[in-house]
Amino acid sequence: KLERQRFAAAGPTDGGASSYLAYAPMGKPQLDHLETALDAVRSGRIAGDLVECGTGRGGGAIFMRAYLDAHEVDGPRVWVVDRFRSSPEPKKGPSLPKRGIAGLRADLNVVRDGFARFDVLDDRVRFVQGSVAALDGDGPDRIALLRIGRSAAQDAHAILEALYDRVADGGV
């Protein structure tokens, strides 16, 4: 198992609302689920790349890339697809939810920094800025694991429409 403490922020990791990892708003149950999916891909020898749409601060994608190193899996790339703050800055005001604060939104430089901090930023990581439509005619030919992050939940249908045919048999 990967050392989850490297990713943990202060506070509980029971999956509750206050449970956050430093680079991803997911708790231990979600991280365990991602690891189980990666284990299934590895044990099933499913060929293909790992794709995360709606990465937030990058924690899920960072974990996927670190998993490849930890298990000495050569070949697959990690595709990180997000708008990376391509939307306008939010209006200032007391009624904004904390998660809407600009500093906590996905930012390409913050995500790249996260990969670099965990020493997993290399040529196997591909960043795609924009919607999943940016992968049209480009991107992975075969996907072993497709993760849709919380920030892309409203786009799940479009993501599946665009990428489902690329998911390998047995892929997750």
C-alpha atoms as a PDB file:
ATOM      1  CA  LYS A   1       0.000   0.000   0.000  1.00  0.00           C
ATOM      2  CA  LEU A   2       1.129   3.529  -0.722  1.00  0.00           C
ATOM      3  CA  GLU A   3       1.975   5.763   2.182  1.00  0.00           C
ATOM      4  CA  ARG A   4      -1.207   7.843   2.489  1.00  0.00           C
ATOM      5  CA  GLN A   5       0.206  10.094   5.194  1.00  0.00           C
ATOM      6  CA  ARG A   6       2.259  11.966   2.581  1.00  0.00           C
ATOM      7  CA  PHE A   7      -1.034  13.137   1.115  1.00  0.00           C
ATOM      8  CA  ALA A   8      -2.914  13.779   4.354  1.00  0.00           C
ATOM      9  CA  ALA A   9      -3.679  17.206   5.702  1.00  0.00           C
ATOM     10  CA  ALA A  10      -4.373  17.888   9.365  1.00  0.00           C
ATOM     11  CA  GLY A  11      -7.681  16.431  10.501  1.00  0.00           C
ATOM     12  CA  PRO A  12      -9.546  13.155  10.336  1.00  0.00           C
ATOM     13  CA  THR A  13      -9.443  10.875   7.313  1.00  0.00           C
ATOM     14  CA  ASP A  14     -12.715   9.065   7.868  1.00  0.00           C
ATOM     15  CA  GLY A  15     -14.278  10.370   4.651  1.00  0.00           C
ATOM     16  CA  GLY A  16     -16.422  12.990   6.383  1.00  0.00           C
ATOM     17  CA  ALA A  17     -16.974  16.514   5.135  1.00  0.00           C
ATOM     18  CA  SER A  18     -13.923  17.788   7.047  1.00  0.00           C
ATOM     19  CA  SER A  19     -11.746  15.021   5.665  1.00  0.00           C
ATOM     20  CA  TYR A  20      -9.376  16.492   3.093  1.00  0.00           C
ATOM     21  CA  LEU A  21      -6.091  15.436   1.659  1.00  0.00           C
ATOM     22  CA  ALA A  22      -3.592  18.144   0.911  1.00  0.00           C
ATOM     23  CA  TYR A  23      -4.116  17.961  -2.854  1.00  0.00           C
ATOM     24  CA  ALA A  24      -7.582  16.440  -3.159  1.00  0.00           C
ATOM     25  CA  PRO A  25     -10.939  16.765  -1.399  1.00  0.00           C
ATOM     26  CA  MET A  26     -11.274  13.043  -0.817  1.00  0.00           C
ATOM     27  CA  GLY A  27     -11.061  10.984   2.315  1.00  0.00           C
ATOM     28  CA  LYS A  28      -9.574   7.602   3.057  1.00  0.00           C
ATOM     29  CA  PRO A  29     -12.542   5.607   1.666  1.00  0.00           C
ATOM     30  CA  GLN A  30     -12.282   7.353  -1.704  1.00  0.00           C
ATOM     31  CA  LEU A  31      -8.511   6.946  -1.783  1.00  0.00           C
ATOM     32  CA  ASP A  32      -8.893   3.256  -0.900  1.00  0.00           C
ATOM     33  CA  HIS A  33     -11.430   2.899  -3.732  1.00  0.00           C
ATOM     34  CA  LEU A  34      -9.012   4.498  -6.201  1.00  0.00           C
ATOM     35  CA  GLU A  35      -6.246   2.159  -5.057  1.00  0.00           C
ATOM     36  CA  THR A  36      -8.574  -0.839  -5.421  1.00  0.00           C
ATOM     37  CA  ALA A  37      -9.387   0.244  -8.985  1.00  0.00           C
ATOM     38  CA  LEU A  38      -5.668   0.623  -9.760  1.00  0.00           C
ATOM     39  CA  ASP A  39      -5.010  -2.819  -8.240  1.00  0.00           C
ATOM     40  CA  ALA A  40      -7.713  -4.303 -10.505  1.00  0.00           C
ATOM     41  CA  VAL A  41      -6.154  -2.676 -13.577  1.00  0.00           C
ATOM     42  CA  ARG A  42      -2.694  -3.926 -12.613  1.00  0.00           C
ATOM     43  CA  SER A  43      -3.721  -7.469 -11.652  1.00  0.00           C
ATOM     44  CA  GLY A  44      -5.932  -7.753 -14.732  1.00  0.00           C
ATOM     45  CA  ARG A  45      -3.063  -6.511 -16.899  1.00  0.00           C
ATOM     46  CA  ILE A  46      -5.403  -3.989 -18.510  1.00  0.00           C
ATOM     47  CA  ALA A  47      -3.427  -2.072 -21.109  1.00  0.00           C
ATOM     48  CA  GLY A  48      -4.062   1.640 -21.356  1.00  0.00           C
ATOM     49  CA  ASP A  49      -3.458   5.014 -19.809  1.00  0.00           C
ATOM     50  CA  LEU A  50      -4.939   6.508 -16.649  1.00  0.00           C
ATOM     51  CA  VAL A  51      -7.159   9.562 -17.154  1.00  0.00           C
ATOM     52  CA  GLU A  52      -8.534  12.021 -14.619  1.00  0.00           C
ATOM     53  CA  CYS A  53     -11.102  14.599 -15.710  1.00  0.00           C
ATOM     54  CA  GLY A  54     -11.821  17.397 -13.266  1.00  0.00           C
ATOM     55  CA  THR A  55      -8.675  17.045 -11.221  1.00  0.00           C
ATOM     56  CA  GLY A  56      -9.184  19.796  -8.657  1.00  0.00           C
ATOM     57  CA  ARG A  57      -5.795  20.295  -7.014  1.00  0.00           C
ATOM     58  CA  GLY A  58      -4.445  17.093  -8.581  1.00  0.00           C
ATOM     59  CA  GLY A  59      -4.460  14.625  -5.681  1.00  0.00           C
ATOM     60  CA  GLY A  60      -6.146  11.749  -7.502  1.00  0.00           C
ATOM     61  CA  ALA A  61      -3.893  12.070 -10.545  1.00  0.00           C
ATOM     62  CA  ILE A  62      -0.794  12.465  -8.353  1.00  0.00           C
ATOM     63  CA  PHE A  63      -1.801   9.299  -6.510  1.00  0.00           C
ATOM     64  CA  MET A  64      -2.283   7.427  -9.796  1.00  0.00           C
ATOM     65  CA  ARG A  65       1.167   8.477 -11.042  1.00  0.00           C
ATOM     66  CA  ALA A  66       2.802   7.576  -7.709  1.00  0.00           C
ATOM     67  CA  TYR A  67       1.037   4.196  -7.818  1.00  0.00           C
ATOM     68  CA  LEU A  68       2.715   3.422 -11.146  1.00  0.00           C
ATOM     69  CA  ASP A  69       6.128   4.064  -9.568  1.00  0.00           C
ATOM     70  CA  ALA A  70       5.340   2.201  -6.343  1.00  0.00           C
ATOM     71  CA  HIS A  71       4.319  -0.908  -8.275  1.00  0.00           C
ATOM     72  CA  GLU A  72       6.982  -0.523 -10.967  1.00  0.00           C
ATOM     73  CA  VAL A  73       4.385  -0.307 -13.750  1.00  0.00           C
ATOM     74  CA  ASP A  74       6.054   0.956 -16.911  1.00  0.00           C
ATOM     75  CA  GLY A  75       4.264   2.337 -19.923  1.00  0.00           C
ATOM     76  CA  PRO A  76       0.946   3.897 -18.939  1.00  0.00           C
ATOM     77  CA  ARG A  77       0.698   7.662 -18.895  1.00  0.00           C
ATOM     78  CA  VAL A  78      -1.461   9.783 -16.630  1.00  0.00           C
ATOM     79  CA  TRP A  79      -3.677  12.310 -18.431  1.00  0.00           C
ATOM     80  CA  VAL A  80      -4.887  15.250 -16.343  1.00  0.00           C
ATOM     81  CA  VAL A  81      -7.826  17.017 -18.000  1.00  0.00           C
ATOM     82  CA  ASP A  82      -9.280  20.150 -16.434  1.00  0.00           C
ATOM     83  CA  ARG A  83     -10.320  23.674 -17.302  1.00  0.00           C
ATOM     84  CA  PHE A  84      -7.596  24.859 -14.898  1.00  0.00           C
ATOM     85  CA  ARG A  85      -9.307  28.134 -14.002  1.00  0.00           C
ATOM     86  CA  SER A  86     -10.285  28.951 -17.540  1.00  0.00           C
ATOM     87  CA  SER A  87     -13.485  30.400 -16.122  1.00  0.00           C
ATOM     88  CA  PRO A  88     -13.509  33.997 -14.883  1.00  0.00           C
ATOM     89  CA  GLU A  89     -12.478  34.780 -11.322  1.00  0.00           C
ATOM     90  CA  PRO A  90     -15.413  34.555  -8.897  1.00  0.00           C
ATOM     91  CA  LYS A  91     -16.992  37.752  -7.653  1.00  0.00           C
ATOM     92  CA  LYS A  92     -15.845  38.801  -4.207  1.00  0.00           C
ATOM     93  CA  GLY A  93     -18.415  38.719  -1.454  1.00  0.00           C
ATOM     94  CA  PRO A  94     -19.370  37.178   1.872  1.00  0.00           C
ATOM     95  CA  SER A  95     -21.947  34.797   0.359  1.00  0.00           C
ATOM     96  CA  LEU A  96     -19.438  32.748  -1.659  1.00  0.00           C
ATOM     97  CA  PRO A  97     -18.803  29.207  -0.451  1.00  0.00           C
ATOM     98  CA  LYS A  98     -15.263  28.553   0.718  1.00  0.00           C
ATOM     99  CA  ARG A  99     -14.637  26.044  -2.069  1.00  0.00           C
ATOM    100  CA  GLY A 100     -15.211  28.849  -4.594  1.00  0.00           C
ATOM    101  CA  ILE A 101     -12.265  30.878  -3.356  1.00  0.00           C
ATOM    102  CA  ALA A 102      -9.861  31.333  -6.268  1.00  0.00           C
ATOM    103  CA  GLY A 103      -6.870  29.975  -4.341  1.00  0.00           C
ATOM    104  CA  LEU A 104      -8.576  26.608  -3.905  1.00  0.00           C
ATOM    105  CA  ARG A 105      -9.711  26.165  -7.497  1.00  0.00           C
ATOM    106  CA  ALA A 106      -7.834  24.053 -10.011  1.00  0.00           C
ATOM    107  CA  ASP A 107      -4.799  25.900 -11.302  1.00  0.00           C
ATOM    108  CA  LEU A 108      -2.341  24.304 -13.703  1.00  0.00           C
ATOM    109  CA  ASN A 109       0.686  25.618 -11.808  1.00  0.00           C
ATOM    110  CA  VAL A 110      -0.618  24.364  -8.454  1.00  0.00           C
ATOM    111  CA  VAL A 111      -1.279  20.917  -9.933  1.00  0.00           C
ATOM    112  CA  ARG A 112       2.146  20.771 -11.602  1.00  0.00           C
ATOM    113  CA  ASP A 113       3.723  21.834  -8.300  1.00  0.00           C
ATOM    114  CA  GLY A 114       1.917  18.969  -6.563  1.00  0.00           C
ATOM    115  CA  PHE A 115       3.317  16.451  -9.034  1.00  0.00           C
ATOM    116  CA  ALA A 116       6.799  17.947  -8.591  1.00  0.00           C
ATOM    117  CA  ARG A 117       6.574  17.871  -4.770  1.00  0.00           C
ATOM    118  CA  PHE A 118       5.917  14.135  -4.878  1.00  0.00           C
ATOM    119  CA  ASP A 119       8.637  13.656  -7.504  1.00  0.00           C
ATOM    120  CA  VAL A 120       6.247  12.260 -10.118  1.00  0.00           C
ATOM    121  CA  LEU A 121       6.290  15.085 -12.677  1.00  0.00           C
ATOM    122  CA  ASP A 122       7.830  13.549 -15.782  1.00  0.00           C
ATOM    123  CA  ASP A 123       7.112  12.791 -19.431  1.00  0.00           C
ATOM    124  CA  ARG A 124       4.458  10.218 -18.432  1.00  0.00           C
ATOM    125  CA  VAL A 125       2.185  13.010 -17.180  1.00  0.00           C
ATOM    126  CA  ARG A 126       0.115  14.875 -19.769  1.00  0.00           C
ATOM    127  CA  PHE A 127      -1.844  18.004 -18.917  1.00  0.00           C
ATOM    128  CA  VAL A 128      -4.798  18.985 -21.089  1.00  0.00           C
ATOM    129  CA  GLN A 129      -6.335  22.380 -20.427  1.00  0.00           C
ATOM    130  CA  GLY A 130      -9.999  22.672 -21.336  1.00  0.00           C
ATOM    131  CA  SER A 131     -12.990  20.384 -21.446  1.00  0.00           C
ATOM    132  CA  VAL A 132     -12.817  16.743 -22.455  1.00  0.00           C
ATOM    133  CA  ALA A 133     -13.505  17.948 -26.009  1.00  0.00           C
ATOM    134  CA  ALA A 134      -9.837  19.042 -26.035  1.00  0.00           C
ATOM    135  CA  LEU A 135      -8.992  15.322 -26.330  1.00  0.00           C
ATOM    136  CA  ASP A 136     -10.816  14.990 -29.674  1.00  0.00           C
ATOM    137  CA  GLY A 137      -8.412  13.301 -32.067  1.00  0.00           C
ATOM    138  CA  ASP A 138      -5.707  13.547 -29.411  1.00  0.00           C
ATOM    139  CA  GLY A 139      -5.103  11.993 -26.047  1.00  0.00           C
ATOM    140  CA  PRO A 140      -4.957   8.344 -25.081  1.00  0.00           C
ATOM    141  CA  ASP A 141      -5.957   5.705 -27.597  1.00  0.00           C
ATOM    142  CA  ARG A 142      -6.801   3.223 -24.862  1.00  0.00           C
ATOM    143  CA  ILE A 143      -7.861   3.999 -21.291  1.00  0.00           C
ATOM    144  CA  ALA A 144      -7.372   1.500 -18.473  1.00  0.00           C
ATOM    145  CA  LEU A 145      -8.843   3.766 -15.790  1.00  0.00           C
ATOM    146  CA  LEU A 146     -11.065   6.823 -16.186  1.00  0.00           C
ATOM    147  CA  ARG A 147     -11.659   8.896 -13.055  1.00  0.00           C
ATOM    148  CA  ILE A 148     -14.156  11.745 -13.033  1.00  0.00           C
ATOM    149  CA  GLY A 149     -13.410  14.144 -10.205  1.00  0.00           C
ATOM    150  CA  ARG A 150     -15.976  16.120  -8.248  1.00  0.00           C
ATOM    151  CA  SER A 151     -15.316  19.312 -10.172  1.00  0.00           C
ATOM    152  CA  ALA A 152     -16.345  17.551 -13.409  1.00  0.00           C
ATOM    153  CA  ALA A 153     -19.373  15.726 -12.026  1.00  0.00           C
ATOM    154  CA  GLN A 154     -21.781  17.950 -13.969  1.00  0.00           C
ATOM    155  CA  ASP A 155     -19.883  17.023 -17.164  1.00  0.00           C
ATOM    156  CA  ALA A 156     -19.902  13.251 -16.490  1.00  0.00           C
ATOM    157  CA  HIS A 157     -22.293  12.485 -19.343  1.00  0.00           C
ATOM    158  CA  ALA A 158     -20.190  14.446 -21.875  1.00  0.00           C
ATOM    159  CA  ILE A 159     -16.992  12.838 -20.576  1.00  0.00           C
ATOM    160  CA  LEU A 160     -18.418   9.342 -20.927  1.00  0.00           C
ATOM    161  CA  GLU A 161     -19.799  10.161 -24.397  1.00  0.00           C
ATOM    162  CA  ALA A 162     -16.358  11.359 -25.507  1.00  0.00           C
ATOM    163  CA  LEU A 163     -14.158   8.699 -23.884  1.00  0.00           C
ATOM    164  CA  TYR A 164     -16.215   5.549 -23.279  1.00  0.00           C
ATOM    165  CA  ASP A 165     -15.191   3.943 -26.577  1.00  0.00           C
ATOM    166  CA  ARG A 166     -11.538   4.358 -25.575  1.00  0.00           C
ATOM    167  CA  VAL A 167     -11.917   2.439 -22.293  1.00  0.00           C
ATOM    168  CA  ALA A 168     -10.209  -0.935 -22.690  1.00  0.00           C
ATOM    169  CA  ASP A 169     -12.101  -4.187 -22.122  1.00  0.00           C
ATOM    170  CA  GLY A 170     -11.906  -4.782 -18.385  1.00  0.00           C
ATOM    171  CA  GLY A 171     -11.021  -1.144 -17.752  1.00  0.00           C
ATOM    172  CA  VAL A 172     -12.416   0.814 -14.854  1.00  0.00           C
END
